[in-house]
C-alpha cells in the first residue's frame, strides 16, 4: 500500500468523524424533550376531582298550559317548598321569569299572581322577588315560569373527561405505571357534592346542639338503679320475620 492510499484513507476517516459530530450537534439543537405528564396526575381521586364550594343557581320550573290560569296542588307545594328553602339558604333575590308573546302567556300571568301570593305568605318579602319577562328563543321549547335564586352549593366535575385511552396505546404511555385514569372517581365526588345538605360541613363541623334533658335524665336514673339504659321497642318483636337465633 502506497503512502498516497494511506493518506486517502485517513482523510476519509476524518471526514466521517466530522460528519458524525456535525450530525450529533445539529440533532442536539433540534431535539425536544418529552414532558411526562403521567406523574403530575394525582393518584387520589379527591385531588383530581375536588369538591368546590361556590355560589350556584337553583331553579324551579312551573309548567302552565294555554288555558290553565292557575296552579295545581303539586305546583303549589313546589312554590311553598322553594320559599322555605330560600329563607334558609338563599343568598340573593328570587328571579321570576314569566313568558310573554307565547300561547300560554295570559295563563302564565294569571298563575304568577298566585305564585307571588304563595311566596309572600311563606315569608318572602316583596323586595326578595324580581320579575322578568322573556320570550323563548326556540319556539319548540315549552315556555315555563322559572323561579331562580342563588345559593351556596358544593360542586364537582365536570365528569366524562378522557384525555388518554384507558387501555395500552401509543397515546397512553403511562398504562404500565398502574395509575388510575383521569375520570376515575369523578362521578362519586359529583354525587357526594349533590347530596350534601349544608356545604359548610365540608369545611367545618357544626356546633353541638343542647342535649335532650328529659331523655338524659331518664337514662341517668336507669343507670343509678342498675338497669339497662338501652331503648326498648316493644314492636320490635312483631317486626321479626323468623325466630332464628332464639
C-alpha atoms as a PDB file:
ATOM      1  CA  UNK A   1       0.000   0.000   0.000  1.00  0.00           C
ATOM      2  CA  UNK A   2       1.418   3.321  -1.009  1.00  0.00           C
ATOM      3  CA  UNK A   3       1.645   6.386   1.144  1.00  0.00           C
ATOM      4  CA  UNK A   4      -0.945   8.067  -1.065  1.00  0.00           C
ATOM      5  CA  UNK A   5      -3.524   5.348  -0.311  1.00  0.00           C
ATOM      6  CA  UNK A   6      -2.872   5.633   3.438  1.00  0.00           C
ATOM      7  CA  UNK A   7      -3.358   9.372   3.330  1.00  0.00           C
ATOM      8  CA  UNK A   8      -6.621   8.975   1.400  1.00  0.00           C
ATOM      9  CA  UNK A   9      -7.952   6.502   3.979  1.00  0.00           C
ATOM     10  CA  UNK A  10      -7.025   8.814   6.857  1.00  0.00           C
ATOM     11  CA  UNK A  11      -8.783  11.686   5.128  1.00  0.00           C
ATOM     12  CA  UNK A  12     -11.906   9.516   4.622  1.00  0.00           C
ATOM     13  CA  UNK A  13     -11.978   8.519   8.303  1.00  0.00           C
ATOM     14  CA  UNK A  14     -11.544  12.139   9.332  1.00  0.00           C
ATOM     15  CA  UNK A  15     -14.386  13.222   7.053  1.00  0.00           C
ATOM     16  CA  UNK A  16     -16.660  10.535   8.515  1.00  0.00           C
ATOM     17  CA  UNK A  17     -15.877  11.618  12.078  1.00  0.00           C
ATOM     18  CA  UNK A  18     -16.506  15.268  11.236  1.00  0.00           C
ATOM     19  CA  UNK A  19     -19.820  14.429   9.576  1.00  0.00           C
ATOM     20  CA  UNK A  20     -20.901  12.329  12.578  1.00  0.00           C
ATOM     21  CA  UNK A  21     -20.008  15.103  15.006  1.00  0.00           C
ATOM     22  CA  UNK A  22     -21.855  17.675  12.938  1.00  0.00           C
ATOM     23  CA  UNK A  23     -24.969  15.465  12.776  1.00  0.00           C
ATOM     24  CA  UNK A  24     -24.923  14.992  16.535  1.00  0.00           C
ATOM     25  CA  UNK A  25     -24.611  18.733  17.103  1.00  0.00           C
ATOM     26  CA  UNK A  26     -27.471  19.517  14.758  1.00  0.00           C
ATOM     27  CA  UNK A  27     -29.627  16.791  16.331  1.00  0.00           C
ATOM     28  CA  UNK A  28     -28.990  18.227  19.782  1.00  0.00           C
ATOM     29  CA  UNK A  29     -30.145  21.635  18.592  1.00  0.00           C
ATOM     30  CA  UNK A  30     -33.477  20.352  17.242  1.00  0.00           C
ATOM     31  CA  UNK A  31     -34.256  17.759  19.931  1.00  0.00           C
ATOM     32  CA  UNK A  32     -37.303  18.481  22.096  1.00  0.00           C
ATOM     33  CA  UNK A  33     -37.509  16.705  25.432  1.00  0.00           C
ATOM     34  CA  UNK A  34     -40.805  14.838  26.025  1.00  0.00           C
ATOM     35  CA  UNK A  35     -42.659  16.041  29.095  1.00  0.00           C
ATOM     36  CA  UNK A  36     -44.168  13.138  31.005  1.00  0.00           C
ATOM     37  CA  UNK A  37     -47.496  14.339  32.387  1.00  0.00           C
ATOM     38  CA  UNK A  38     -48.443  10.976  33.909  1.00  0.00           C
ATOM     39  CA  UNK A  39     -46.505  11.687  37.068  1.00  0.00           C
ATOM     40  CA  UNK A  40     -48.278  15.024  37.514  1.00  0.00           C
ATOM     41  CA  UNK A  41     -51.737  13.395  37.758  1.00  0.00           C
ATOM     42  CA  UNK A  42     -52.628  12.922  41.447  1.00  0.00           C
ATOM     43  CA  UNK A  43     -53.243   9.313  42.447  1.00  0.00           C
ATOM     44  CA  UNK A  44     -56.011  10.332  44.865  1.00  0.00           C
ATOM     45  CA  UNK A  45     -59.300  10.952  43.053  1.00  0.00           C
ATOM     46  CA  UNK A  46     -60.206  13.553  45.683  1.00  0.00           C
ATOM     47  CA  UNK A  47     -57.289  15.652  44.487  1.00  0.00           C
ATOM     48  CA  UNK A  48     -58.080  15.152  40.798  1.00  0.00           C
ATOM     49  CA  UNK A  49     -61.760  15.977  41.263  1.00  0.00           C
ATOM     50  CA  UNK A  50     -62.046  18.156  44.380  1.00  0.00           C
ATOM     51  CA  UNK A  51     -65.409  19.257  45.719  1.00  0.00           C
ATOM     52  CA  UNK A  52     -65.557  23.040  45.456  1.00  0.00           C
ATOM     53  CA  UNK A  53     -67.902  25.344  47.345  1.00  0.00           C
ATOM     54  CA  UNK A  54     -69.265  28.172  45.251  1.00  0.00           C
ATOM     55  CA  UNK A  55     -72.418  30.118  44.535  1.00  0.00           C
ATOM     56  CA  UNK A  56     -74.801  28.364  42.160  1.00  0.00           C
ATOM     57  CA  UNK A  57     -78.379  28.853  40.988  1.00  0.00           C
ATOM     58  CA  UNK A  58     -81.323  26.682  41.948  1.00  0.00           C
ATOM     59  CA  UNK A  59     -84.256  26.743  39.536  1.00  0.00           C
ATOM     60  CA  UNK A  60     -87.839  25.514  39.770  1.00  0.00           C
ATOM     61  CA  UNK A  61     -89.871  25.337  36.552  1.00  0.00           C
ATOM     62  CA  UNK A  62     -93.653  25.658  36.645  1.00  0.00           C
ATOM     63  CA  UNK A  63     -95.427  24.353  33.557  1.00  0.00           C
ATOM     64  CA  UNK A  64     -98.569  26.304  32.685  1.00  0.00           C
ATOM     65  CA  UNK A  65    -100.983  25.209  29.969  1.00  0.00           C
ATOM     66  CA  UNK A  66    -102.513  27.572  27.461  1.00  0.00           C
ATOM     67  CA  UNK A  67    -105.863  27.733  29.264  1.00  0.00           C
ATOM     68  CA  UNK A  68    -104.878  26.671  32.776  1.00  0.00           C
ATOM     69  CA  UNK A  69    -104.765  30.006  34.553  1.00  0.00           C
ATOM     70  CA  UNK A  70    -103.859  28.572  37.946  1.00  0.00           C
ATOM     71  CA  UNK A  71    -101.538  26.226  39.831  1.00  0.00           C
ATOM     72  CA  UNK A  72    -102.090  22.580  40.568  1.00  0.00           C
ATOM     73  CA  UNK A  73    -101.657  21.194  44.071  1.00  0.00           C
ATOM     74  CA  UNK A  74     -98.146  19.802  43.353  1.00  0.00           C
ATOM     75  CA  UNK A  75     -97.128  23.147  41.844  1.00  0.00           C
ATOM     76  CA  UNK A  76     -98.299  24.999  44.946  1.00  0.00           C
ATOM     77  CA  UNK A  77     -96.229  22.602  47.036  1.00  0.00           C
ATOM     78  CA  UNK A  78     -93.198  23.313  44.827  1.00  0.00           C
ATOM     79  CA  UNK A  79     -93.576  27.074  45.290  1.00  0.00           C
ATOM     80  CA  UNK A  80     -94.046  26.830  49.062  1.00  0.00           C
ATOM     81  CA  UNK A  81     -91.105  24.438  49.313  1.00  0.00           C
ATOM     82  CA  UNK A  82     -88.895  26.786  47.309  1.00  0.00           C
ATOM     83  CA  UNK A  83     -89.833  29.669  49.605  1.00  0.00           C
ATOM     84  CA  UNK A  84     -88.957  27.729  52.761  1.00  0.00           C
ATOM     85  CA  UNK A  85     -85.629  26.610  51.320  1.00  0.00           C
ATOM     86  CA  UNK A  86     -84.858  30.143  50.101  1.00  0.00           C
ATOM     87  CA  UNK A  87     -85.347  31.522  53.619  1.00  0.00           C
ATOM     88  CA  UNK A  88     -82.745  29.032  54.846  1.00  0.00           C
ATOM     89  CA  UNK A  89     -80.082  29.054  52.149  1.00  0.00           C
ATOM     90  CA  UNK A  90     -80.805  31.845  49.644  1.00  0.00           C
ATOM     91  CA  UNK A  91     -78.019  34.371  49.046  1.00  0.00           C
ATOM     92  CA  UNK A  92     -79.949  36.672  46.710  1.00  0.00           C
ATOM     93  CA  UNK A  93     -83.392  37.579  45.457  1.00  0.00           C
ATOM     94  CA  UNK A  94     -85.719  35.156  43.695  1.00  0.00           C
ATOM     95  CA  UNK A  95     -85.799  35.949  39.975  1.00  0.00           C
ATOM     96  CA  UNK A  96     -89.181  35.078  38.483  1.00  0.00           C
ATOM     97  CA  UNK A  97     -89.126  34.790  34.685  1.00  0.00           C
ATOM     98  CA  UNK A  98     -92.603  34.934  33.162  1.00  0.00           C
ATOM     99  CA  UNK A  99     -93.115  34.148  29.449  1.00  0.00           C
ATOM    100  CA  UNK A 100     -94.570  36.724  27.118  1.00  0.00           C
ATOM    101  CA  UNK A 101     -95.659  36.542  23.496  1.00  0.00           C
ATOM    102  CA  UNK A 102     -96.421  32.830  23.748  1.00  0.00           C
ATOM    103  CA  UNK A 103     -99.623  30.822  23.616  1.00  0.00           C
ATOM    104  CA  UNK A 104     -99.673  30.421  27.394  1.00  0.00           C
ATOM    105  CA  UNK A 105     -98.596  33.982  28.206  1.00  0.00           C
ATOM    106  CA  UNK A 106    -102.029  35.031  29.568  1.00  0.00           C
ATOM    107  CA  UNK A 107    -102.372  31.864  31.641  1.00  0.00           C
ATOM    108  CA  UNK A 108     -98.798  32.261  32.939  1.00  0.00           C
ATOM    109  CA  UNK A 109     -99.518  35.852  34.007  1.00  0.00           C
ATOM    110  CA  UNK A 110    -102.606  34.734  35.931  1.00  0.00           C
ATOM    111  CA  UNK A 111    -100.697  31.859  37.518  1.00  0.00           C
ATOM    112  CA  UNK A 112     -97.811  34.095  38.526  1.00  0.00           C
ATOM    113  CA  UNK A 113    -100.133  36.210  40.655  1.00  0.00           C
ATOM    114  CA  UNK A 114    -100.847  33.062  42.650  1.00  0.00           C
ATOM    115  CA  UNK A 115     -97.123  32.289  42.792  1.00  0.00           C
ATOM    116  CA  UNK A 116     -96.387  35.728  44.194  1.00  0.00           C
ATOM    117  CA  UNK A 117     -99.084  35.397  46.843  1.00  0.00           C
ATOM    118  CA  UNK A 118     -97.764  31.984  47.920  1.00  0.00           C
ATOM    119  CA  UNK A 119     -94.225  33.342  48.205  1.00  0.00           C
ATOM    120  CA  UNK A 120     -95.424  36.288  50.269  1.00  0.00           C
ATOM    121  CA  UNK A 121     -97.469  34.030  52.547  1.00  0.00           C
ATOM    122  CA  UNK A 122     -94.390  31.839  53.105  1.00  0.00           C
ATOM    123  CA  UNK A 123     -92.360  34.828  54.317  1.00  0.00           C
ATOM    124  CA  UNK A 124     -90.583  36.099  51.190  1.00  0.00           C
ATOM    125  CA  UNK A 125     -90.538  39.934  51.317  1.00  0.00           C
ATOM    126  CA  UNK A 126     -91.588  41.954  48.241  1.00  0.00           C
ATOM    127  CA  UNK A 127     -88.011  43.108  47.649  1.00  0.00           C
ATOM    128  CA  UNK A 128     -86.964  39.461  47.541  1.00  0.00           C
ATOM    129  CA  UNK A 129     -88.782  38.876  44.223  1.00  0.00           C
ATOM    130  CA  UNK A 130     -87.551  40.260  40.897  1.00  0.00           C
ATOM    131  CA  UNK A 131     -89.912  39.826  37.926  1.00  0.00           C
ATOM    132  CA  UNK A 132     -88.596  39.498  34.391  1.00  0.00           C
ATOM    133  CA  UNK A 133     -90.388  38.714  31.151  1.00  0.00           C
ATOM    134  CA  UNK A 134     -88.838  36.604  28.423  1.00  0.00           C
ATOM    135  CA  UNK A 135     -89.668  35.125  25.060  1.00  0.00           C
ATOM    136  CA  UNK A 136     -88.263  31.658  24.238  1.00  0.00           C
ATOM    137  CA  UNK A 137     -85.638  31.781  21.526  1.00  0.00           C
ATOM    138  CA  UNK A 138     -86.660  28.321  20.309  1.00  0.00           C
ATOM    139  CA  UNK A 139     -90.416  28.028  19.641  1.00  0.00           C
ATOM    140  CA  UNK A 140     -90.176  24.264  20.155  1.00  0.00           C
ATOM    141  CA  UNK A 141     -89.377  24.778  23.846  1.00  0.00           C
ATOM    142  CA  UNK A 142     -92.314  24.990  26.227  1.00  0.00           C
ATOM    143  CA  UNK A 143     -92.415  28.361  27.999  1.00  0.00           C
ATOM    144  CA  UNK A 144     -92.488  27.939  31.769  1.00  0.00           C
ATOM    145  CA  UNK A 145     -92.471  30.197  34.804  1.00  0.00           C
ATOM    146  CA  UNK A 146     -88.903  29.928  36.093  1.00  0.00           C
ATOM    147  CA  UNK A 147     -88.082  30.715  39.706  1.00  0.00           C
ATOM    148  CA  UNK A 148     -84.334  31.035  40.259  1.00  0.00           C
ATOM    149  CA  UNK A 149     -82.264  32.107  43.235  1.00  0.00           C
ATOM    150  CA  UNK A 150     -78.541  31.889  44.112  1.00  0.00           C
ATOM    151  CA  UNK A 151     -77.263  29.733  46.958  1.00  0.00           C
ATOM    152  CA  UNK A 152     -74.031  28.291  48.303  1.00  0.00           C
ATOM    153  CA  UNK A 153     -73.575  24.831  46.799  1.00  0.00           C
ATOM    154  CA  UNK A 154     -70.974  22.083  46.622  1.00  0.00           C
ATOM    155  CA  UNK A 155     -69.972  21.156  43.076  1.00  0.00           C
ATOM    156  CA  UNK A 156     -67.518  18.743  41.473  1.00  0.00           C
ATOM    157  CA  UNK A 157     -66.538  17.919  37.932  1.00  0.00           C
ATOM    158  CA  UNK A 158     -67.053  18.160  35.051  1.00  0.00           C
ATOM    159  CA  UNK A 159     -67.028  14.402  34.570  1.00  0.00           C
ATOM    160  CA  UNK A 160     -66.622  12.441  31.381  1.00  0.00           C
ATOM    161  CA  UNK A 161     -63.194  13.857  30.512  1.00  0.00           C
ATOM    162  CA  UNK A 162     -60.949  11.251  28.873  1.00  0.00           C
ATOM    163  CA  UNK A 163     -57.571  12.820  27.983  1.00  0.00           C
ATOM    164  CA  UNK A 164     -55.975   9.391  27.430  1.00  0.00           C
ATOM    165  CA  UNK A 165     -57.045   5.934  26.403  1.00  0.00           C
ATOM    166  CA  UNK A 166     -57.844   3.516  29.221  1.00  0.00           C
ATOM    167  CA  UNK A 167     -56.076   0.588  27.582  1.00  0.00           C
ATOM    168  CA  UNK A 168     -52.491   0.350  26.299  1.00  0.00           C
ATOM    169  CA  UNK A 169     -51.935   2.508  23.251  1.00  0.00           C
ATOM    170  CA  UNK A 170     -49.474   4.908  21.709  1.00  0.00           C
ATOM    171  CA  UNK A 171     -51.198   7.873  23.418  1.00  0.00           C
ATOM    172  CA  UNK A 172     -51.360   6.233  26.846  1.00  0.00           C
ATOM    173  CA  UNK A 173     -47.682   5.576  27.546  1.00  0.00           C
ATOM    174  CA  UNK A 174     -48.266   5.549  31.289  1.00  0.00           C
ATOM    175  CA  UNK A 175     -50.532   2.494  31.152  1.00  0.00           C
ATOM    176  CA  UNK A 176     -47.878   0.249  32.666  1.00  0.00           C
ATOM    177  CA  UNK A 177     -47.485   2.602  35.645  1.00  0.00           C
ATOM    178  CA  UNK A 178     -50.725   1.182  37.078  1.00  0.00           C
ATOM    179  CA  UNK A 179     -52.175   4.602  37.879  1.00  0.00           C
ATOM    180  CA  UNK A 180     -55.910   5.424  37.908  1.00  0.00           C
ATOM    181  CA  UNK A 181     -57.315   7.011  34.802  1.00  0.00           C
ATOM    182  CA  UNK A 182     -58.362  10.665  34.922  1.00  0.00           C
ATOM    183  CA  UNK A 183     -62.142  10.214  35.110  1.00  0.00           C
ATOM    184  CA  UNK A 184     -61.922   7.634  37.903  1.00  0.00           C
ATOM    185  CA  UNK A 185     -63.847   8.785  40.995  1.00  0.00           C
ATOM    186  CA  UNK A 186     -65.393  11.859  39.354  1.00  0.00           C
ATOM    187  CA  UNK A 187     -68.957  10.522  39.481  1.00  0.00           C
ATOM    188  CA  UNK A 188     -68.552   9.622  43.156  1.00  0.00           C
ATOM    189  CA  UNK A 189     -67.382  13.132  44.012  1.00  0.00           C
ATOM    190  CA  UNK A 190     -70.160  14.722  41.972  1.00  0.00           C
ATOM    191  CA  UNK A 191     -72.872  12.587  43.588  1.00  0.00           C
ATOM    192  CA  UNK A 192     -71.483  13.293  47.052  1.00  0.00           C
ATOM    193  CA  UNK A 193     -71.485  17.041  46.349  1.00  0.00           C
ATOM    194  CA  UNK A 194     -75.107  16.939  45.184  1.00  0.00           C
ATOM    195  CA  UNK A 195     -76.233  15.064  48.325  1.00  0.00           C
ATOM    196  CA  UNK A 196     -74.633  17.412  50.850  1.00  0.00           C
ATOM    197  CA  UNK A 197     -77.316  19.390  52.679  1.00  0.00           C
ATOM    198  CA  UNK A 198     -75.023  22.081  54.079  1.00  0.00           C
ATOM    199  CA  UNK A 199     -71.818  22.712  52.064  1.00  0.00           C
ATOM    200  CA  UNK A 200     -70.153  24.278  55.110  1.00  0.00           C
ATOM    201  CA  UNK A 201     -69.995  20.786  56.631  1.00  0.00           C
ATOM    202  CA  UNK A 202     -67.096  20.102  54.251  1.00  0.00           C
ATOM    203  CA  UNK A 203     -65.104  22.911  55.831  1.00  0.00           C
ATOM    204  CA  UNK A 204     -66.047  22.983  59.497  1.00  0.00           C
ATOM    205  CA  UNK A 205     -68.154  20.954  61.949  1.00  0.00           C
ATOM    206  CA  UNK A 206     -71.490  22.170  63.186  1.00  0.00           C
ATOM    207  CA  UNK A 207     -71.780  23.364  66.794  1.00  0.00           C
ATOM    208  CA  UNK A 208     -73.241  20.920  69.292  1.00  0.00           C
ATOM    209  CA  UNK A 209     -76.931  21.257  69.967  1.00  0.00           C
ATOM    210  CA  UNK A 210     -78.282  21.206  73.538  1.00  0.00           C
ATOM    211  CA  UNK A 211     -78.837  17.735  74.945  1.00  0.00           C
ATOM    212  CA  UNK A 212     -82.365  16.382  75.282  1.00  0.00           C
ATOM    213  CA  UNK A 213     -82.720  16.866  79.038  1.00  0.00           C
ATOM    214  CA  UNK A 214     -85.732  14.596  79.540  1.00  0.00           C
ATOM    215  CA  UNK A 215     -84.094  11.643  77.805  1.00  0.00           C
ATOM    216  CA  UNK A 216     -80.753  12.201  79.526  1.00  0.00           C
ATOM    217  CA  UNK A 217     -82.416  12.345  82.973  1.00  0.00           C
ATOM    218  CA  UNK A 218     -84.243   9.094  82.296  1.00  0.00           C
ATOM    219  CA  UNK A 219     -81.031   7.357  81.200  1.00  0.00           C
ATOM    220  CA  UNK A 220     -79.158   8.582  84.312  1.00  0.00           C
ATOM    221  CA  UNK A 221     -81.976   7.341  86.533  1.00  0.00           C
ATOM    222  CA  UNK A 222     -81.824   3.858  84.962  1.00  0.00           C
ATOM    223  CA  UNK A 223     -78.054   3.815  85.322  1.00  0.00           C
ATOM    224  CA  UNK A 224     -78.308   4.777  89.015  1.00  0.00           C
ATOM    225  CA  UNK A 225     -80.735   1.899  89.655  1.00  0.00           C
ATOM    226  CA  UNK A 226     -78.511  -0.594  87.821  1.00  0.00           C
ATOM    227  CA  UNK A 227     -80.957  -1.015  84.943  1.00  0.00           C
ATOM    228  CA  UNK A 228     -80.041  -1.204  81.276  1.00  0.00           C
ATOM    229  CA  UNK A 229     -80.049   2.155  79.508  1.00  0.00           C
ATOM    230  CA  UNK A 230     -80.797   0.769  76.066  1.00  0.00           C
ATOM    231  CA  UNK A 231     -84.029   1.767  74.399  1.00  0.00           C
ATOM    232  CA  UNK A 232     -86.645  -0.967  74.361  1.00  0.00           C
ATOM    233  CA  UNK A 233     -89.039  -1.094  71.423  1.00  0.00           C
ATOM    234  CA  UNK A 234     -91.997  -3.436  72.152  1.00  0.00           C
ATOM    235  CA  UNK A 235     -92.989  -3.501  68.495  1.00  0.00           C
ATOM    236  CA  UNK A 236     -89.569  -4.900  67.516  1.00  0.00           C
ATOM    237  CA  UNK A 237     -90.733  -8.469  68.191  1.00  0.00           C
ATOM    238  CA  UNK A 238     -93.675  -8.046  65.835  1.00  0.00           C
ATOM    239  CA  UNK A 239     -91.387  -6.895  63.019  1.00  0.00           C
ATOM    240  CA  UNK A 240     -89.215 -10.032  63.095  1.00  0.00           C
ATOM    241  CA  UNK A 241     -89.588 -12.378  60.139  1.00  0.00           C
ATOM    242  CA  UNK A 242     -88.458 -15.538  61.958  1.00  0.00           C
ATOM    243  CA  UNK A 243     -87.474 -16.870  65.366  1.00  0.00           C
ATOM    244  CA  UNK A 244     -83.977 -17.881  64.272  1.00  0.00           C
ATOM    245  CA  UNK A 245     -81.395 -17.263  66.963  1.00  0.00           C
ATOM    246  CA  UNK A 246     -83.632 -17.731  69.961  1.00  0.00           C
END
